[in-house]
Amino acid sequence: MLQKNSFYKKELSKYKQETKEFSDSEKLNYCFREPDNIIPEKKYPLLLFLHGAGGRGSNNEEQLFDTGSIDAFSKQKIFLEFESFLFAPQVPFDEQWVDVDWTTLNHKMPPISKTLEMTFKVLDEMILNKRNQIDTNRIYIMGVSMGGYGVWDALQRRPNFFAAGVPICGGGDTSKSSLISNISLWSWHGEKDDVISVQRSREMDDAIRESGGKPKYTEIKNRDHGVWVDVWDSKELWNWLYIQSFTSKDINYNE
């Protein structure tokens, strides 16, 4: 976990920390940041970031600090060079993006989790708000560990919605791989991961290929669970992500 020194506090101050209340017992905390420079009438991409288990809570900031993603977003200049919006919701303590056991070697898609359901609702509101100038052909999703599960789950619930997905050391429902075989995907996993088996990413990659897809998969030799450090440092990954565009006329809401 990053030490929250003056640099990171300054970075955090550039984000809007918001709460969307759905009922007395249901609310979603999230951080939101706009591109550094916005030109009227121009459309910009949006990255939905799903944090890992250590980012859970209620402070509405740990989702950016836990795996150092706030540092990566700054170093890779996603707000300046790639002119991106960033949406980073936070899962409450003791809940998950996807209600599955992380130690299992396979799973079937469960009912949508409450946090992911609320995330979709807030995301839809952001897109519909014309002030945000979001390019609906360039909506991306990235997630780490628990959030890697969330990426696979979200992609399969909303095929034809995200232009690209980056699931990092996660796992998904291989039986639904055909739903996302046309999406640009780049999954990552550490060969020596002792938290979430590397088999989860290997099998998702294989299933999508068998369905006719052409996903990218990077397995880092001798890397343990912390494979996100390789993602954060990969300029190739960030360059690849922000050139992806999905131009389907019919956005499929299938949650």
C-alpha atoms as a PDB file:
ATOM      1  CA  MET A   1       0.000   0.000   0.000  1.00  0.00           C
ATOM      2  CA  LEU A   2       1.281   3.459  -0.856  1.00  0.00           C
ATOM      3  CA  GLN A   3       2.274   5.854   1.876  1.00  0.00           C
ATOM      4  CA  LYS A   4      -0.054   8.797   1.484  1.00  0.00           C
ATOM      5  CA  ASN A   5       2.555  11.538   1.327  1.00  0.00           C
ATOM      6  CA  SER A   6       2.097  15.026  -0.050  1.00  0.00           C
ATOM      7  CA  PHE A   7       2.473  13.888  -3.681  1.00  0.00           C
ATOM      8  CA  TYR A   8      -0.357  11.379  -3.439  1.00  0.00           C
ATOM      9  CA  LYS A   9      -2.557  13.726  -1.467  1.00  0.00           C
ATOM     10  CA  LYS A  10      -2.050  16.290  -4.212  1.00  0.00           C
ATOM     11  CA  GLU A  11      -2.964  13.690  -6.833  1.00  0.00           C
ATOM     12  CA  LEU A  12      -6.080  12.686  -4.924  1.00  0.00           C
ATOM     13  CA  SER A  13      -7.173  16.326  -4.759  1.00  0.00           C
ATOM     14  CA  LYS A  14      -7.510  16.262  -8.557  1.00  0.00           C
ATOM     15  CA  TYR A  15     -10.311  13.696  -8.290  1.00  0.00           C
ATOM     16  CA  LYS A  16     -13.903  14.397  -7.405  1.00  0.00           C
ATOM     17  CA  GLN A  17     -14.907  12.163  -4.472  1.00  0.00           C
ATOM     18  CA  GLU A  18     -18.628  11.555  -4.842  1.00  0.00           C
ATOM     19  CA  THR A  19     -21.375   9.455  -3.247  1.00  0.00           C
ATOM     20  CA  LYS A  20     -24.502   8.317  -5.049  1.00  0.00           C
ATOM     21  CA  GLU A  21     -27.315   7.307  -2.694  1.00  0.00           C
ATOM     22  CA  PHE A  22     -29.856   4.816  -3.985  1.00  0.00           C
ATOM     23  CA  SER A  23     -31.680   4.220  -0.686  1.00  0.00           C
ATOM     24  CA  ASP A  24     -31.110   4.597   3.052  1.00  0.00           C
ATOM     25  CA  SER A  25     -29.015   1.415   3.021  1.00  0.00           C
ATOM     26  CA  GLU A  26     -27.491   1.502  -0.473  1.00  0.00           C
ATOM     27  CA  LYS A  27     -24.933   3.987  -1.736  1.00  0.00           C
ATOM     28  CA  LEU A  28     -21.884   4.004  -3.971  1.00  0.00           C
ATOM     29  CA  ASN A  29     -18.709   5.895  -3.148  1.00  0.00           C
ATOM     30  CA  TYR A  30     -16.567   6.707  -6.156  1.00  0.00           C
ATOM     31  CA  CYS A  31     -13.743   8.876  -7.442  1.00  0.00           C
ATOM     32  CA  PHE A  32     -14.077  10.610 -10.789  1.00  0.00           C
ATOM     33  CA  ARG A  33     -11.556  12.593 -12.784  1.00  0.00           C
ATOM     34  CA  GLU A  34     -11.799  14.436 -16.079  1.00  0.00           C
ATOM     35  CA  PRO A  35      -9.131  14.840 -18.772  1.00  0.00           C
ATOM     36  CA  ASP A  36      -6.717  17.659 -18.004  1.00  0.00           C
ATOM     37  CA  ASN A  37      -7.873  19.649 -21.017  1.00  0.00           C
ATOM     38  CA  ILE A  38     -11.360  19.477 -22.489  1.00  0.00           C
ATOM     39  CA  ILE A  39     -12.264  21.080 -25.809  1.00  0.00           C
ATOM     40  CA  PRO A  40     -15.939  21.900 -26.412  1.00  0.00           C
ATOM     41  CA  GLU A  41     -17.769  19.392 -28.650  1.00  0.00           C
ATOM     42  CA  LYS A  42     -14.898  16.873 -28.543  1.00  0.00           C
ATOM     43  CA  LYS A  43     -15.530  13.359 -27.149  1.00  0.00           C
ATOM     44  CA  TYR A  44     -13.160  11.619 -24.751  1.00  0.00           C
ATOM     45  CA  PRO A  45     -12.596   8.015 -23.576  1.00  0.00           C
ATOM     46  CA  LEU A  46     -13.526   6.756 -20.121  1.00  0.00           C
ATOM     47  CA  LEU A  47     -11.750   4.114 -18.044  1.00  0.00           C
ATOM     48  CA  LEU A  48     -13.732   2.238 -15.395  1.00  0.00           C
ATOM     49  CA  PHE A  49     -11.284   0.946 -12.789  1.00  0.00           C
ATOM     50  CA  LEU A  50     -12.234  -1.868 -10.405  1.00  0.00           C
ATOM     51  CA  HIS A  51      -9.941  -2.129  -7.377  1.00  0.00           C
ATOM     52  CA  GLY A  52      -8.768  -5.211  -5.507  1.00  0.00           C
ATOM     53  CA  ALA A  53      -9.795  -6.544  -2.092  1.00  0.00           C
ATOM     54  CA  GLY A  54      -7.469  -4.204  -0.213  1.00  0.00           C
ATOM     55  CA  GLY A  55      -9.228  -1.170  -1.666  1.00  0.00           C
ATOM     56  CA  ARG A  56     -12.550  -1.977  -0.015  1.00  0.00           C
ATOM     57  CA  GLY A  57     -13.956   0.334   2.625  1.00  0.00           C
ATOM     58  CA  SER A  58     -15.841   3.567   3.112  1.00  0.00           C
ATOM     59  CA  ASN A  59     -13.163   6.282   2.887  1.00  0.00           C
ATOM     60  CA  ASN A  60     -13.620   6.744  -0.891  1.00  0.00           C
ATOM     61  CA  GLU A  61      -9.904   6.841  -1.599  1.00  0.00           C
ATOM     62  CA  GLU A  62      -8.418   3.433  -0.802  1.00  0.00           C
ATOM     63  CA  GLN A  63      -9.596   2.126  -4.180  1.00  0.00           C
ATOM     64  CA  LEU A  64      -6.908   4.314  -5.777  1.00  0.00           C
ATOM     65  CA  PHE A  65      -4.138   3.716  -3.251  1.00  0.00           C
ATOM     66  CA  ASP A  66      -4.243  -0.023  -2.528  1.00  0.00           C
ATOM     67  CA  THR A  67      -2.322  -1.351  -5.544  1.00  0.00           C
ATOM     68  CA  GLY A  68      -0.735   1.952  -6.528  1.00  0.00           C
ATOM     69  CA  SER A  69      -3.112   2.649  -9.392  1.00  0.00           C
ATOM     70  CA  ILE A  70      -3.191   6.376  -8.596  1.00  0.00           C
ATOM     71  CA  ASP A  71       0.560   6.435  -9.200  1.00  0.00           C
ATOM     72  CA  ALA A  72       0.218   4.514 -12.473  1.00  0.00           C
ATOM     73  CA  PHE A  73      -2.491   6.809 -13.808  1.00  0.00           C
ATOM     74  CA  SER A  74      -0.232   9.783 -13.088  1.00  0.00           C
ATOM     75  CA  LYS A  75       2.984   8.288 -14.504  1.00  0.00           C
ATOM     76  CA  GLN A  76       1.267   7.050 -17.660  1.00  0.00           C
ATOM     77  CA  LYS A  77      -0.347  10.467 -18.114  1.00  0.00           C
ATOM     78  CA  ILE A  78      -3.770   9.073 -18.886  1.00  0.00           C
ATOM     79  CA  PHE A  79      -5.443  12.424 -18.175  1.00  0.00           C
ATOM     80  CA  LEU A  80      -3.018  14.466 -20.272  1.00  0.00           C
ATOM     81  CA  GLU A  81      -1.561  12.266 -23.013  1.00  0.00           C
ATOM     82  CA  PHE A  82      -4.584   9.986 -23.460  1.00  0.00           C
ATOM     83  CA  GLU A  83      -7.165  12.626 -22.452  1.00  0.00           C
ATOM     84  CA  SER A  84      -9.163  10.127 -20.417  1.00  0.00           C
ATOM     85  CA  PHE A  85     -11.965  10.230 -17.900  1.00  0.00           C
ATOM     86  CA  LEU A  86     -11.495   7.905 -14.902  1.00  0.00           C
ATOM     87  CA  PHE A  87     -14.305   6.356 -12.833  1.00  0.00           C
ATOM     88  CA  ALA A  88     -13.195   4.388  -9.746  1.00  0.00           C
ATOM     89  CA  PRO A  89     -16.002   3.125  -7.482  1.00  0.00           C
ATOM     90  CA  GLN A  90     -15.353   1.522  -4.083  1.00  0.00           C
ATOM     91  CA  VAL A  91     -16.719  -1.777  -2.756  1.00  0.00           C
ATOM     92  CA  PRO A  92     -17.733  -1.745   0.942  1.00  0.00           C
ATOM     93  CA  PHE A  93     -15.938  -3.931   3.473  1.00  0.00           C
ATOM     94  CA  ASP A  94     -16.824  -7.646   3.305  1.00  0.00           C
ATOM     95  CA  GLU A  95     -18.385  -7.355  -0.166  1.00  0.00           C
ATOM     96  CA  GLN A  96     -17.047  -8.209  -3.631  1.00  0.00           C
ATOM     97  CA  TRP A  97     -17.400  -7.185  -7.259  1.00  0.00           C
ATOM     98  CA  VAL A  98     -18.434 -10.774  -8.001  1.00  0.00           C
ATOM     99  CA  ASP A  99     -19.832 -13.109  -5.366  1.00  0.00           C
ATOM    100  CA  VAL A 100     -17.535 -16.085  -5.972  1.00  0.00           C
ATOM    101  CA  ASP A 101     -14.815 -17.872  -4.013  1.00  0.00           C
ATOM    102  CA  TRP A 102     -11.425 -16.649  -5.245  1.00  0.00           C
ATOM    103  CA  THR A 103      -9.814 -20.023  -4.523  1.00  0.00           C
ATOM    104  CA  THR A 104     -12.124 -21.941  -6.859  1.00  0.00           C
ATOM    105  CA  LEU A 105     -10.714 -23.070 -10.203  1.00  0.00           C
ATOM    106  CA  ASN A 106     -13.935 -22.287 -12.092  1.00  0.00           C
ATOM    107  CA  HIS A 107     -17.307 -20.690 -11.535  1.00  0.00           C
ATOM    108  CA  LYS A 108     -20.643 -19.931 -13.162  1.00  0.00           C
ATOM    109  CA  MET A 109     -21.800 -16.334 -13.278  1.00  0.00           C
ATOM    110  CA  PRO A 110     -23.778 -15.543 -10.105  1.00  0.00           C
ATOM    111  CA  PRO A 111     -26.467 -12.846  -9.807  1.00  0.00           C
ATOM    112  CA  ILE A 112     -24.992  -9.391 -10.228  1.00  0.00           C
ATOM    113  CA  SER A 113     -23.461  -7.970  -7.049  1.00  0.00           C
ATOM    114  CA  LYS A 114     -25.064  -4.906  -5.530  1.00  0.00           C
ATOM    115  CA  THR A 115     -21.928  -2.778  -5.984  1.00  0.00           C
ATOM    116  CA  LEU A 116     -21.515  -3.677  -9.653  1.00  0.00           C
ATOM    117  CA  GLU A 117     -25.202  -3.017 -10.248  1.00  0.00           C
ATOM    118  CA  MET A 118     -24.874   0.452  -8.705  1.00  0.00           C
ATOM    119  CA  THR A 119     -21.662   1.023 -10.663  1.00  0.00           C
ATOM    120  CA  PHE A 120     -23.475   0.373 -13.937  1.00  0.00           C
ATOM    121  CA  LYS A 121     -26.230   2.808 -12.965  1.00  0.00           C
ATOM    122  CA  VAL A 122     -23.771   5.605 -12.140  1.00  0.00           C
ATOM    123  CA  LEU A 123     -21.778   4.879 -15.293  1.00  0.00           C
ATOM    124  CA  ASP A 124     -24.934   5.174 -17.397  1.00  0.00           C
ATOM    125  CA  GLU A 125     -25.717   8.517 -15.785  1.00  0.00           C
ATOM    126  CA  MET A 126     -22.210   9.765 -16.550  1.00  0.00           C
ATOM    127  CA  ILE A 127     -22.537   8.779 -20.182  1.00  0.00           C
ATOM    128  CA  LEU A 128     -25.944  10.388 -20.571  1.00  0.00           C
ATOM    129  CA  ASN A 129     -24.686  13.635 -19.038  1.00  0.00           C
ATOM    130  CA  LYS A 130     -23.644  15.572 -22.134  1.00  0.00           C
ATOM    131  CA  ARG A 131     -21.442  17.826 -20.049  1.00  0.00           C
ATOM    132  CA  ASN A 132     -19.014  14.916 -19.646  1.00  0.00           C
ATOM    133  CA  GLN A 133     -18.421  14.583 -23.417  1.00  0.00           C
ATOM    134  CA  ILE A 134     -17.782  10.823 -23.132  1.00  0.00           C
ATOM    135  CA  ASP A 135     -17.048   8.874 -26.301  1.00  0.00           C
ATOM    136  CA  THR A 136     -19.327   5.823 -26.075  1.00  0.00           C
ATOM    137  CA  ASN A 137     -17.136   4.017 -28.610  1.00  0.00           C
ATOM    138  CA  ARG A 138     -14.172   4.214 -26.226  1.00  0.00           C
ATOM    139  CA  ILE A 139     -15.319   3.015 -22.826  1.00  0.00           C
ATOM    140  CA  TYR A 140     -12.724   0.745 -21.210  1.00  0.00           C
ATOM    141  CA  ILE A 141     -12.637  -1.428 -18.098  1.00  0.00           C
ATOM    142  CA  MET A 142      -9.632  -2.513 -16.034  1.00  0.00           C
ATOM    143  CA  GLY A 143      -9.494  -4.340 -12.705  1.00  0.00           C
ATOM    144  CA  VAL A 144      -7.054  -5.926 -10.281  1.00  0.00           C
ATOM    145  CA  SER A 145      -7.498  -9.275  -8.481  1.00  0.00           C
ATOM    146  CA  MET A 146     -11.002  -9.019  -7.006  1.00  0.00           C
ATOM    147  CA  GLY A 147     -11.440  -6.335  -9.645  1.00  0.00           C
ATOM    148  CA  GLY A 148     -10.088  -8.717 -12.286  1.00  0.00           C
ATOM    149  CA  TYR A 149     -13.064 -10.948 -11.545  1.00  0.00           C
ATOM    150  CA  GLY A 150     -15.196  -7.839 -11.837  1.00  0.00           C
ATOM    151  CA  VAL A 151     -13.842  -7.055 -15.298  1.00  0.00           C
ATOM    152  CA  TRP A 152     -14.697 -10.491 -16.695  1.00  0.00           C
ATOM    153  CA  ASP A 153     -18.128 -10.339 -15.053  1.00  0.00           C
ATOM    154  CA  ALA A 154     -18.927  -6.829 -16.295  1.00  0.00           C
ATOM    155  CA  LEU A 155     -17.816  -7.618 -19.842  1.00  0.00           C
ATOM    156  CA  GLN A 156     -20.033 -10.690 -19.999  1.00  0.00           C
ATOM    157  CA  ARG A 157     -23.027  -8.855 -18.544  1.00  0.00           C
ATOM    158  CA  ARG A 158     -22.651  -6.016 -21.033  1.00  0.00           C
ATOM    159  CA  PRO A 159     -21.298  -7.403 -24.292  1.00  0.00           C
ATOM    160  CA  ASN A 160     -20.925  -4.716 -26.967  1.00  0.00           C
ATOM    161  CA  PHE A 161     -20.623  -1.999 -24.310  1.00  0.00           C
ATOM    162  CA  PHE A 162     -16.909  -1.851 -23.486  1.00  0.00           C
ATOM    163  CA  ALA A 163     -14.399  -1.272 -26.273  1.00  0.00           C
ATOM    164  CA  ALA A 164     -11.652  -3.072 -24.354  1.00  0.00           C
ATOM    165  CA  GLY A 165     -11.009  -4.894 -21.106  1.00  0.00           C
ATOM    166  CA  VAL A 166      -7.898  -5.476 -19.002  1.00  0.00           C
ATOM    167  CA  PRO A 167      -8.524  -8.158 -16.349  1.00  0.00           C
ATOM    168  CA  ILE A 168      -5.509  -8.457 -14.043  1.00  0.00           C
ATOM    169  CA  CYS A 169      -5.096 -11.735 -12.093  1.00  0.00           C
ATOM    170  CA  GLY A 170      -8.810 -12.533 -12.098  1.00  0.00           C
ATOM    171  CA  GLY A 171     -11.154 -15.209 -13.388  1.00  0.00           C
ATOM    172  CA  GLY A 172     -14.476 -15.523 -15.180  1.00  0.00           C
ATOM    173  CA  ASP A 173     -17.174 -17.844 -16.459  1.00  0.00           C
ATOM    174  CA  THR A 174     -15.612 -19.712 -19.394  1.00  0.00           C
ATOM    175  CA  SER A 175     -19.029 -20.892 -20.589  1.00  0.00           C
ATOM    176  CA  LYS A 176     -19.900 -17.302 -21.548  1.00  0.00           C
ATOM    177  CA  SER A 177     -16.712 -16.640 -23.489  1.00  0.00           C
ATOM    178  CA  SER A 178     -18.541 -16.383 -26.825  1.00  0.00           C
ATOM    179  CA  LEU A 179     -20.298 -13.248 -25.564  1.00  0.00           C
ATOM    180  CA  ILE A 180     -17.024 -11.319 -25.506  1.00  0.00           C
ATOM    181  CA  SER A 181     -15.023 -12.940 -28.304  1.00  0.00           C
ATOM    182  CA  ASN A 182     -15.330  -9.758 -30.387  1.00  0.00           C
ATOM    183  CA  ILE A 183     -13.987  -7.444 -27.654  1.00  0.00           C
ATOM    184  CA  SER A 184     -10.373  -6.272 -27.438  1.00  0.00           C
ATOM    185  CA  LEU A 185      -8.943  -8.018 -24.360  1.00  0.00           C
ATOM    186  CA  TRP A 186      -5.557  -8.099 -22.689  1.00  0.00           C
ATOM    187  CA  SER A 187      -5.419 -10.222 -19.542  1.00  0.00           C
ATOM    188  CA  TRP A 188      -2.444 -10.467 -17.170  1.00  0.00           C
ATOM    189  CA  HIS A 189      -1.408 -12.971 -14.518  1.00  0.00           C
ATOM    190  CA  GLY A 190       1.698 -13.917 -12.548  1.00  0.00           C
ATOM    191  CA  GLU A 191       3.007 -17.427 -13.133  1.00  0.00           C
ATOM    192  CA  LYS A 192       3.570 -17.981  -9.411  1.00  0.00           C
ATOM    193  CA  ASP A 193       0.331 -16.405  -8.144  1.00  0.00           C
ATOM    194  CA  ASP A 194      -0.608 -18.147  -4.882  1.00  0.00           C
ATOM    195  CA  VAL A 195      -3.776 -16.101  -4.264  1.00  0.00           C
ATOM    196  CA  ILE A 196      -5.678 -16.562  -7.534  1.00  0.00           C
ATOM    197  CA  SER A 197      -4.567 -19.471  -9.672  1.00  0.00           C
ATOM    198  CA  VAL A 198      -2.971 -18.573 -12.982  1.00  0.00           C
ATOM    199  CA  GLN A 199      -5.215 -21.304 -14.395  1.00  0.00           C
ATOM    200  CA  ARG A 200      -8.139 -18.839 -14.203  1.00  0.00           C
ATOM    201  CA  SER A 201      -6.604 -16.445 -16.749  1.00  0.00           C
ATOM    202  CA  ARG A 202      -5.210 -19.247 -18.921  1.00  0.00           C
ATOM    203  CA  GLU A 203      -8.606 -20.899 -19.223  1.00  0.00           C
ATOM    204  CA  MET A 204     -10.419 -17.638 -19.992  1.00  0.00           C
ATOM    205  CA  ASP A 205      -7.880 -16.879 -22.717  1.00  0.00           C
ATOM    206  CA  ASP A 206      -8.223 -20.379 -24.185  1.00  0.00           C
ATOM    207  CA  ALA A 207     -12.043 -20.263 -24.097  1.00  0.00           C
ATOM    208  CA  ILE A 208     -12.188 -16.922 -25.893  1.00  0.00           C
ATOM    209  CA  ARG A 209      -9.794 -18.151 -28.574  1.00  0.00           C
ATOM    210  CA  GLU A 210     -11.935 -21.263 -29.035  1.00  0.00           C
ATOM    211  CA  SER A 211     -14.909 -18.928 -29.528  1.00  0.00           C
ATOM    212  CA  GLY A 212     -13.134 -17.154 -32.348  1.00  0.00           C
ATOM    213  CA  GLY A 213     -11.665 -14.254 -30.401  1.00  0.00           C
ATOM    214  CA  LYS A 214      -8.124 -12.911 -30.606  1.00  0.00           C
ATOM    215  CA  PRO A 215      -7.332 -11.814 -27.041  1.00  0.00           C
ATOM    216  CA  LYS A 216      -3.913 -10.821 -25.743  1.00  0.00           C
ATOM    217  CA  TYR A 217      -2.550 -12.590 -22.662  1.00  0.00           C
ATOM    218  CA  THR A 218       0.625 -11.845 -20.722  1.00  0.00           C
ATOM    219  CA  GLU A 219       1.870 -14.247 -18.069  1.00  0.00           C
ATOM    220  CA  ILE A 220       4.857 -12.914 -16.129  1.00  0.00           C
ATOM    221  CA  LYS A 221       7.385 -15.606 -15.297  1.00  0.00           C
ATOM    222  CA  ASN A 222       8.167 -15.994 -11.574  1.00  0.00           C
ATOM    223  CA  ARG A 223       5.744 -13.189 -10.697  1.00  0.00           C
ATOM    224  CA  ASP A 224       3.442 -13.704  -7.717  1.00  0.00           C
ATOM    225  CA  HIS A 225       0.043 -12.087  -7.149  1.00  0.00           C
ATOM    226  CA  GLY A 226       1.350  -8.548  -7.620  1.00  0.00           C
ATOM    227  CA  VAL A 227       1.399  -8.682 -11.409  1.00  0.00           C
ATOM    228  CA  TRP A 228      -0.264  -5.271 -11.541  1.00  0.00           C
ATOM    229  CA  VAL A 229       3.191  -3.679 -11.181  1.00  0.00           C
ATOM    230  CA  ASP A 230       3.998  -5.021 -14.651  1.00  0.00           C
ATOM    231  CA  VAL A 231       0.754  -3.594 -16.024  1.00  0.00           C
ATOM    232  CA  TRP A 232       1.389  -0.199 -14.457  1.00  0.00           C
ATOM    233  CA  ASP A 233       4.855  -0.047 -16.073  1.00  0.00           C
ATOM    234  CA  SER A 234       3.839  -1.307 -19.527  1.00  0.00           C
ATOM    235  CA  LYS A 235       3.682   1.628 -21.897  1.00  0.00           C
ATOM    236  CA  GLU A 236       2.703  -0.858 -24.595  1.00  0.00           C
ATOM    237  CA  LEU A 237      -0.427  -1.770 -22.628  1.00  0.00           C
ATOM    238  CA  TRP A 238      -1.553   1.830 -22.165  1.00  0.00           C
ATOM    239  CA  ASN A 239      -0.862   2.727 -25.800  1.00  0.00           C
ATOM    240  CA  TRP A 240      -2.819  -0.349 -26.900  1.00  0.00           C
ATOM    241  CA  LEU A 241      -5.746   0.378 -24.593  1.00  0.00           C
ATOM    242  CA  TYR A 242      -6.371   3.922 -25.732  1.00  0.00           C
ATOM    243  CA  ILE A 243      -6.443   3.146 -29.455  1.00  0.00           C
ATOM    244  CA  GLN A 244      -9.267   0.623 -29.029  1.00  0.00           C
ATOM    245  CA  SER A 245     -12.666   1.652 -30.341  1.00  0.00           C
ATOM    246  CA  PHE A 246     -15.949  -0.232 -30.405  1.00  0.00           C
ATOM    247  CA  THR A 247     -18.507   1.029 -32.905  1.00  0.00           C
ATOM    248  CA  SER A 248     -21.509  -1.239 -32.398  1.00  0.00           C
ATOM    249  CA  LYS A 249     -24.762   0.614 -32.986  1.00  0.00           C
ATOM    250  CA  ASP A 250     -26.634  -1.554 -30.520  1.00  0.00           C
ATOM    251  CA  ILE A 251     -25.286  -1.328 -26.991  1.00  0.00           C
ATOM    252  CA  ASN A 252     -26.334  -4.487 -25.201  1.00  0.00           C
ATOM    253  CA  TYR A 253     -27.421  -4.124 -21.575  1.00  0.00           C
ATOM    254  CA  ASN A 254     -27.543  -7.693 -20.306  1.00  0.00           C
ATOM    255  CA  GLU A 255     -27.067  -7.427 -16.548  1.00  0.00           C
END
